């Protein structure tokens, strides 16, 4: 029972992190879209966009790991 509570907290934290990361990426993407086509975007903004994508990719790997654990029977 202790493991299930721990796993549930991990999954809830992952969902919260996913939501926050996608929201950050959405806001950065809106800022990039607001830049006019002929203007070059701010390098800091491009770095933020790359960092947000890297964070989302890391979260995708965590989701895949949890899914593998669940399918293999190591979880629940």
PDB file of N, CA and C in Angstrom:
ATOM      1  N   UNK A   1       0.826  -1.194   0.000  1.00  0.00           N
ATOM      2  CA  UNK A   1       0.000   0.000   0.000  1.00  0.00           C
ATOM      3  C   UNK A   1       0.870   1.259   0.000  1.00  0.00           C
ATOM      4  N   UNK A   2       2.007   1.185   0.690  1.00  0.00           N
ATOM      5  CA  UNK A   2       2.926   2.324   0.746  1.00  0.00           C
ATOM      6  C   UNK A   2       3.461   2.663  -0.651  1.00  0.00           C
ATOM      7  N   UNK A   3       3.790   1.628  -1.427  1.00  0.00           N
ATOM      8  CA  UNK A   3       4.308   1.858  -2.772  1.00  0.00           C
ATOM      9  C   UNK A   3       3.264   2.534  -3.643  1.00  0.00           C
ATOM     10  N   UNK A   4       2.020   2.107  -3.516  1.00  0.00           N
ATOM     11  CA  UNK A   4       0.967   2.704  -4.355  1.00  0.00           C
ATOM     12  C   UNK A   4       0.805   4.187  -4.065  1.00  0.00           C
ATOM     13  N   UNK A   5       0.879   4.559  -2.805  1.00  0.00           N
ATOM     14  CA  UNK A   5       0.763   5.976  -2.449  1.00  0.00           C
ATOM     15  C   UNK A   5       1.940   6.764  -3.028  1.00  0.00           C
ATOM     16  N   UNK A   6       3.123   6.192  -2.957  1.00  0.00           N
ATOM     17  CA  UNK A   6       4.304   6.848  -3.512  1.00  0.00           C
ATOM     18  C   UNK A   6       4.181   6.977  -5.024  1.00  0.00           C
ATOM     19  N   UNK A   7       3.753   5.894  -5.674  1.00  0.00           N
ATOM     20  CA  UNK A   7       3.587   5.923  -7.124  1.00  0.00           C
ATOM     21  C   UNK A   7       2.556   6.955  -7.535  1.00  0.00           C
ATOM     22  N   UNK A   8       1.461   7.010  -6.788  1.00  0.00           N
ATOM     23  CA  UNK A   8       0.392   7.965  -7.114  1.00  0.00           C
ATOM     24  C   UNK A   8       0.905   9.396  -7.006  1.00  0.00           C
ATOM     25  N   UNK A   9       1.703   9.681  -5.963  1.00  0.00           N
ATOM     26  CA  UNK A   9       2.279  11.025  -5.812  1.00  0.00           C
ATOM     27  C   UNK A   9       3.212  11.346  -6.974  1.00  0.00           C
ATOM     28  N   UNK A  10       4.014  10.346  -7.393  1.00  0.00           N
ATOM     29  CA  UNK A  10       4.902  10.555  -8.539  1.00  0.00           C
ATOM     30  C   UNK A  10       4.100  10.876  -9.793  1.00  0.00           C
ATOM     31  N   UNK A  11       3.026  10.140 -10.008  1.00  0.00           N
ATOM     32  CA  UNK A  11       2.208  10.357 -11.203  1.00  0.00           C
ATOM     33  C   UNK A  11       1.522  11.713 -11.158  1.00  0.00           C
ATOM     34  N   UNK A  12       1.028  12.108  -9.987  1.00  0.00           N
ATOM     35  CA  UNK A  12       0.385  13.415  -9.859  1.00  0.00           C
ATOM     36  C   UNK A  12       1.386  14.537 -10.095  1.00  0.00           C
ATOM     37  N   UNK A  13       2.603  14.377  -9.580  1.00  0.00           N
ATOM     38  CA  UNK A  13       3.648  15.376  -9.787  1.00  0.00           C
ATOM     39  C   UNK A  13       4.028  15.465 -11.261  1.00  0.00           C
ATOM     40  N   UNK A  14       4.096  14.325 -11.918  1.00  0.00           N
ATOM     41  CA  UNK A  14       4.416  14.301 -13.344  1.00  0.00           C
ATOM     42  C   UNK A  14       3.337  15.022 -14.150  1.00  0.00           C
ATOM     43  N   UNK A  15       2.084  14.782 -13.822  1.00  0.00           N
ATOM     44  CA  UNK A  15       0.982  15.458 -14.521  1.00  0.00           C
ATOM     45  C   UNK A  15       1.053  16.964 -14.289  1.00  0.00           C
ATOM     46  N   UNK A  16       1.340  17.372 -13.051  1.00  0.00           N
ATOM     47  CA  UNK A  16       1.451  18.798 -12.745  1.00  0.00           C
ATOM     48  C   UNK A  16       2.619  19.431 -13.501  1.00  0.00           C
ATOM     49  N   UNK A  17       3.749  18.735 -13.529  1.00  0.00           N
ATOM     50  CA  UNK A  17       4.916  19.247 -14.256  1.00  0.00           C
ATOM     51  C   UNK A  17       4.635  19.343 -15.748  1.00  0.00           C
ATOM     52  N   UNK A  18       3.939  18.343 -16.285  1.00  0.00           N
ATOM     53  CA  UNK A  18       3.587  18.344 -17.708  1.00  0.00           C
ATOM     54  C   UNK A  18       2.716  19.561 -18.034  1.00  0.00           C
ATOM     55  N   UNK A  19       1.708  19.790 -17.215  1.00  0.00           N
ATOM     56  CA  UNK A  19       0.823  20.932 -17.441  1.00  0.00           C
ATOM     57  C   UNK A  19       1.566  22.254 -17.384  1.00  0.00           C
ATOM     58  N   UNK A  20       2.450  22.397 -16.412  1.00  0.00           N
ATOM     59  CA  UNK A  20       3.218  23.637 -16.277  1.00  0.00           C
ATOM     60  C   UNK A  20       4.168  23.824 -17.457  1.00  0.00           C
ATOM     61  N   UNK A  21       4.822  22.753 -17.882  1.00  0.00           N
ATOM     62  CA  UNK A  21       5.770  22.851 -18.998  1.00  0.00           C
ATOM     63  C   UNK A  21       5.058  23.189 -20.296  1.00  0.00           C
ATOM     64  N   UNK A  22       3.930  22.563 -20.550  1.00  0.00           N
ATOM     65  CA  UNK A  22       3.209  22.859 -21.792  1.00  0.00           C
ATOM     66  C   UNK A  22       2.653  24.278 -21.780  1.00  0.00           C
ATOM     67  N   UNK A  23       2.257  24.754 -20.616  1.00  0.00           N
ATOM     68  CA  UNK A  23       1.764  26.134 -20.521  1.00  0.00           C
ATOM     69  C   UNK A  23       2.900  27.125 -20.784  1.00  0.00           C
ATOM     70  N   UNK A  24       4.080  26.856 -20.212  1.00  0.00           N
ATOM     71  CA  UNK A  24       5.230  27.725 -20.474  1.00  0.00           C
ATOM     72  C   UNK A  24       5.572  27.728 -21.968  1.00  0.00           C
ATOM     73  N   UNK A  25       5.567  26.553 -22.584  1.00  0.00           N
ATOM     74  CA  UNK A  25       5.880  26.480 -24.008  1.00  0.00           C
ATOM     75  C   UNK A  25       4.826  27.223 -24.828  1.00  0.00           C
ATOM     76  N   UNK A  26       3.562  27.091 -24.454  1.00  0.00           N
ATOM     77  CA  UNK A  26       2.493  27.775 -25.179  1.00  0.00           C
ATOM     78  C   UNK A  26       2.687  29.289 -25.120  1.00  0.00           C
ATOM     79  N   UNK A  27       3.012  29.812 -23.933  1.00  0.00           N
ATOM     80  CA  UNK A  27       3.216  31.249 -23.781  1.00  0.00           C
ATOM     81  C   UNK A  27       4.424  31.733 -24.590  1.00  0.00           C
ATOM     82  N   UNK A  28       5.496  30.971 -24.566  1.00  0.00           N
ATOM     83  CA  UNK A  28       6.677  31.345 -25.337  1.00  0.00           C
ATOM     84  C   UNK A  28       6.368  31.296 -26.832  1.00  0.00           C
ATOM     85  N   UNK A  29       5.622  30.270 -27.239  1.00  0.00           N
ATOM     86  CA  UNK A  29       5.254  30.151 -28.648  1.00  0.00           C
ATOM     87  C   UNK A  29       4.384  31.344 -29.078  1.00  0.00           C
ATOM     88  N   UNK A  30       3.487  31.789 -28.211  1.00  0.00           N
ATOM     89  CA  UNK A  30       2.673  32.970 -28.518  1.00  0.00           C
ATOM     90  C   UNK A  30       3.557  34.201 -28.688  1.00  0.00           C
ATOM     91  N   UNK A  31       4.554  34.351 -27.823  1.00  0.00           N
ATOM     92  CA  UNK A  31       5.468  35.485 -27.935  1.00  0.00           C
ATOM     93  C   UNK A  31       6.239  35.427 -29.252  1.00  0.00           C
ATOM     94  N   UNK A  32       6.685  34.223 -29.620  1.00  0.00           N
ATOM     95  CA  UNK A  32       7.395  34.082 -30.892  1.00  0.00           C
ATOM     96  C   UNK A  32       6.483  34.380 -32.073  1.00  0.00           C
ATOM     97  N   UNK A  33       5.231  33.999 -31.974  1.00  0.00           N
ATOM     98  CA  UNK A  33       4.277  34.259 -33.059  1.00  0.00           C
ATOM     99  C   UNK A  33       3.979  35.748 -33.182  1.00  0.00           C
ATOM    100  N   UNK A  34       4.082  36.460 -32.073  1.00  0.00           N
ATOM    101  CA  UNK A  34       3.790  37.887 -32.083  1.00  0.00           C
ATOM    102  C   UNK A  34       4.886  38.690 -32.777  1.00  0.00           C
ATOM    103  N   UNK A  35       6.083  38.121 -32.843  1.00  0.00           N
ATOM    104  CA  UNK A  35       7.177  38.801 -33.529  1.00  0.00           C
ATOM    105  C   UNK A  35       6.847  38.847 -35.013  1.00  0.00           C
ATOM    106  N   UNK A  36       6.993  40.010 -35.596  1.00  0.00           N
ATOM    107  CA  UNK A  36       6.656  40.153 -37.005  1.00  0.00           C
ATOM    108  C   UNK A  36       7.568  39.294 -37.867  1.00  0.00           C
ATOM    109  N   UNK A  37       7.075  38.909 -39.008  1.00  0.00           N
ATOM    110  CA  UNK A  37       7.785  37.982 -39.889  1.00  0.00           C
ATOM    111  C   UNK A  37       9.135  38.531 -40.343  1.00  0.00           C
ATOM    112  N   UNK A  38       9.246  39.841 -40.511  1.00  0.00           N
ATOM    113  CA  UNK A  38      10.499  40.403 -41.005  1.00  0.00           C
ATOM    114  C   UNK A  38      11.505  40.687 -39.893  1.00  0.00           C
ATOM    115  N   UNK A  39      11.070  40.608 -38.639  1.00  0.00           N
ATOM    116  CA  UNK A  39      11.953  40.883 -37.512  1.00  0.00           C
ATOM    117  C   UNK A  39      12.555  39.579 -36.993  1.00  0.00           C
ATOM    118  N   UNK A  40      13.763  39.669 -36.489  1.00  0.00           N
ATOM    119  CA  UNK A  40      14.377  38.484 -35.885  1.00  0.00           C
ATOM    120  C   UNK A  40      13.968  38.422 -34.419  1.00  0.00           C
ATOM    121  N   UNK A  41      13.596  37.237 -33.949  1.00  0.00           N
ATOM    122  CA  UNK A  41      13.182  37.119 -32.554  1.00  0.00           C
ATOM    123  C   UNK A  41      14.361  37.296 -31.603  1.00  0.00           C
ATOM    124  N   UNK A  42      14.045  37.661 -30.403  1.00  0.00           N
ATOM    125  CA  UNK A  42      15.034  37.861 -29.355  1.00  0.00           C
ATOM    126  C   UNK A  42      15.748  36.536 -29.076  1.00  0.00           C
ATOM    127  N   UNK A  43      17.071  36.526 -29.027  1.00  0.00           N
ATOM    128  CA  UNK A  43      17.799  35.280 -28.759  1.00  0.00           C
ATOM    129  C   UNK A  43      17.416  34.651 -27.408  1.00  0.00           C
ATOM    130  N   UNK A  44      17.140  35.485 -26.421  1.00  0.00           N
ATOM    131  CA  UNK A  44      16.726  34.964 -25.116  1.00  0.00           C
ATOM    132  C   UNK A  44      15.424  34.190 -25.233  1.00  0.00           C
ATOM    133  N   UNK A  45      14.521  34.692 -26.055  1.00  0.00           N
ATOM    134  CA  UNK A  45      13.243  34.028 -26.256  1.00  0.00           C
ATOM    135  C   UNK A  45      13.441  32.687 -26.957  1.00  0.00           C
ATOM    136  N   UNK A  46      14.353  32.641 -27.907  1.00  0.00           N
ATOM    137  CA  UNK A  46      14.652  31.378 -28.586  1.00  0.00           C
ATOM    138  C   UNK A  46      15.263  30.370 -27.619  1.00  0.00           C
ATOM    139  N   UNK A  47      16.117  30.839 -26.719  1.00  0.00           N
ATOM    140  CA  UNK A  47      16.698  29.953 -25.712  1.00  0.00           C
ATOM    141  C   UNK A  47      15.629  29.415 -24.773  1.00  0.00           C
ATOM    142  N   UNK A  48      14.687  30.281 -24.402  1.00  0.00           N
ATOM    143  CA  UNK A  48      13.582  29.835 -23.541  1.00  0.00           C
ATOM    144  C   UNK A  48      12.751  28.774 -24.251  1.00  0.00           C
ATOM    145  N   UNK A  49      12.516  28.965 -25.531  1.00  0.00           N
ATOM    146  CA  UNK A  49      11.730  27.989 -26.298  1.00  0.00           C
ATOM    147  C   UNK A  49      12.454  26.648 -26.363  1.00  0.00           C
ATOM    148  N   UNK A  50      13.753  26.672 -26.591  1.00  0.00           N
ATOM    149  CA  UNK A  50      14.533  25.429 -26.634  1.00  0.00           C
ATOM    150  C   UNK A  50      14.527  24.736 -25.274  1.00  0.00           C
ATOM    151  N   UNK A  51      14.639  25.522 -24.214  1.00  0.00           N
ATOM    152  CA  UNK A  51      14.631  24.947 -22.863  1.00  0.00           C
ATOM    153  C   UNK A  51      13.273  24.328 -22.547  1.00  0.00           C
ATOM    154  N   UNK A  52      12.206  24.988 -22.967  1.00  0.00           N
ATOM    155  CA  UNK A  52      10.863  24.454 -22.729  1.00  0.00           C
ATOM    156  C   UNK A  52      10.658  23.151 -23.492  1.00  0.00           C
ATOM    157  N   UNK A  53      11.132  23.095 -24.726  1.00  0.00           N
ATOM    158  CA  UNK A  53      11.027  21.851 -25.499  1.00  0.00           C
ATOM    159  C   UNK A  53      11.854  20.735 -24.876  1.00  0.00           C
ATOM    160  N   UNK A  54      13.026  21.066 -24.368  1.00  0.00           N
ATOM    161  CA  UNK A  54      13.869  20.063 -23.715  1.00  0.00           C
ATOM    162  C   UNK A  54      13.184  19.528 -22.461  1.00  0.00           C
ATOM    163  N   UNK A  55      12.527  20.420 -21.727  1.00  0.00           N
ATOM    164  CA  UNK A  55      11.809  19.991 -20.522  1.00  0.00           C
ATOM    165  C   UNK A  55      10.652  19.058 -20.883  1.00  0.00           C
ATOM    166  N   UNK A  56       9.925  19.404 -21.919  1.00  0.00           N
ATOM    167  CA  UNK A  56       8.812  18.552 -22.353  1.00  0.00           C
ATOM    168  C   UNK A  56       9.335  17.195 -22.814  1.00  0.00           C
ATOM    169  N   UNK A  57      10.454  17.184 -23.508  1.00  0.00           N
ATOM    170  CA  UNK A  57      11.044  15.919 -23.959  1.00  0.00           C
ATOM    171  C   UNK A  57      11.464  15.060 -22.765  1.00  0.00           C
ATOM    172  N   UNK A  58      12.029  15.675 -21.742  1.00  0.00           N
ATOM    173  CA  UNK A  58      12.405  14.929 -20.537  1.00  0.00           C
ATOM    174  C   UNK A  58      11.166  14.345 -19.857  1.00  0.00           C
ATOM    175  N   UNK A  59      10.095  15.106 -19.834  1.00  0.00           N
ATOM    176  CA  UNK A  59       8.852  14.608 -19.245  1.00  0.00           C
ATOM    177  C   UNK A  59       8.272  13.467 -20.073  1.00  0.00           C
ATOM    178  N   UNK A  60       8.411  13.534 -21.378  1.00  0.00           N
ATOM    179  CA  UNK A  60       7.950  12.429 -22.240  1.00  0.00           C
ATOM    180  C   UNK A  60       8.698  11.142 -21.916  1.00  0.00           C
ATOM    181  N   UNK A  61      10.006  11.280 -21.677  1.00  0.00           N
ATOM    182  CA  UNK A  61      10.794  10.098 -21.309  1.00  0.00           C
ATOM    183  C   UNK A  61      10.328   9.531 -19.966  1.00  0.00           C
ATOM    184  N   UNK A  62       9.988  10.395 -19.020  1.00  0.00           N
ATOM    185  CA  UNK A  62       9.476   9.920 -17.729  1.00  0.00           C
ATOM    186  C   UNK A  62       8.153   9.191 -17.899  1.00  0.00           C
ATOM    187  N   UNK A  63       7.284   9.739 -18.740  1.00  0.00           N
ATOM    188  CA  UNK A  63       6.000   9.084 -19.002  1.00  0.00           C
ATOM    189  C   UNK A  63       6.238   7.706 -19.625  1.00  0.00           C
ATOM    190  N   UNK A  64       7.159   7.634 -20.568  1.00  0.00           N
ATOM    191  CA  UNK A  64       7.464   6.349 -21.211  1.00  0.00           C
ATOM    192  C   UNK A  64       8.004   5.346 -20.196  1.00  0.00           C
ATOM    193  N   UNK A  65       8.850   5.815 -19.279  1.00  0.00           N
ATOM    194  CA  UNK A  65       9.404   4.928 -18.257  1.00  0.00           C
ATOM    195  C   UNK A  65       8.299   4.401 -17.343  1.00  0.00           C
ATOM    196  N   UNK A  66       7.416   5.287 -16.899  1.00  0.00           N
ATOM    197  CA  UNK A  66       6.312   4.855 -16.042  1.00  0.00           C
ATOM    198  C   UNK A  66       5.388   3.890 -16.777  1.00  0.00           C
ATOM    199  N   UNK A  67       5.162   4.153 -18.046  1.00  0.00           N
ATOM    200  CA  UNK A  67       4.306   3.271 -18.839  1.00  0.00           C
ATOM    201  C   UNK A  67       4.936   1.883 -18.966  1.00  0.00           C
ATOM    202  N   UNK A  68       6.259   1.846 -19.223  1.00  0.00           N
ATOM    203  CA  UNK A  68       6.960   0.563 -19.293  1.00  0.00           C
ATOM    204  C   UNK A  68       6.852  -0.191 -17.971  1.00  0.00           C
ATOM    205  N   UNK A  69       7.021   0.519 -16.854  1.00  0.00           N
ATOM    206  CA  UNK A  69       6.910  -0.116 -15.540  1.00  0.00           C
ATOM    207  C   UNK A  69       5.506  -0.677 -15.309  1.00  0.00           C
ATOM    208  N   UNK A  70       4.524   0.076 -15.730  1.00  0.00           N
ATOM    209  CA  UNK A  70       3.146  -0.359 -15.541  1.00  0.00           C
ATOM    210  C   UNK A  70       2.848  -1.607 -16.384  1.00  0.00           C
ATOM    211  N   UNK A  71       3.262  -1.569 -17.656  1.00  0.00           N
ATOM    212  CA  UNK A  71       3.006  -2.683 -18.564  1.00  0.00           C
ATOM    213  C   UNK A  71       3.739  -3.947 -18.109  1.00  0.00           C
ATOM    214  N   UNK A  72       4.956  -3.773 -17.614  1.00  0.00           N
ATOM    215  CA  UNK A  72       5.744  -4.936 -17.189  1.00  0.00           C
ATOM    216  C   UNK A  72       5.270  -5.498 -15.843  1.00  0.00           C
ATOM    217  N   UNK A  73       4.423  -4.778 -15.149  1.00  0.00           N
ATOM    218  CA  UNK A  73       3.910  -5.257 -13.872  1.00  0.00           C
ATOM    219  C   UNK A  73       4.720  -4.795 -12.677  1.00  0.00           C
ATOM    220  N   UNK A  74       5.702  -3.949 -12.900  1.00  0.00           N
ATOM    221  CA  UNK A  74       6.505  -3.441 -11.786  1.00  0.00           C
ATOM    222  C   UNK A  74       5.764  -2.379 -10.983  1.00  0.00           C
ATOM    223  N   UNK A  75       4.732  -1.847 -11.555  1.00  0.00           N
ATOM    224  CA  UNK A  75       3.944  -0.791 -10.912  1.00  0.00           C
ATOM    225  C   UNK A  75       2.513  -1.295 -10.773  1.00  0.00           C
ATOM    226  N   UNK A  76       2.014  -1.217  -9.585  1.00  0.00           N
ATOM    227  CA  UNK A  76       0.652  -1.655  -9.251  1.00  0.00           C
ATOM    228  C   UNK A  76       0.540  -3.113  -9.450  1.00  0.00           C
TER     229      UNK A  76
END
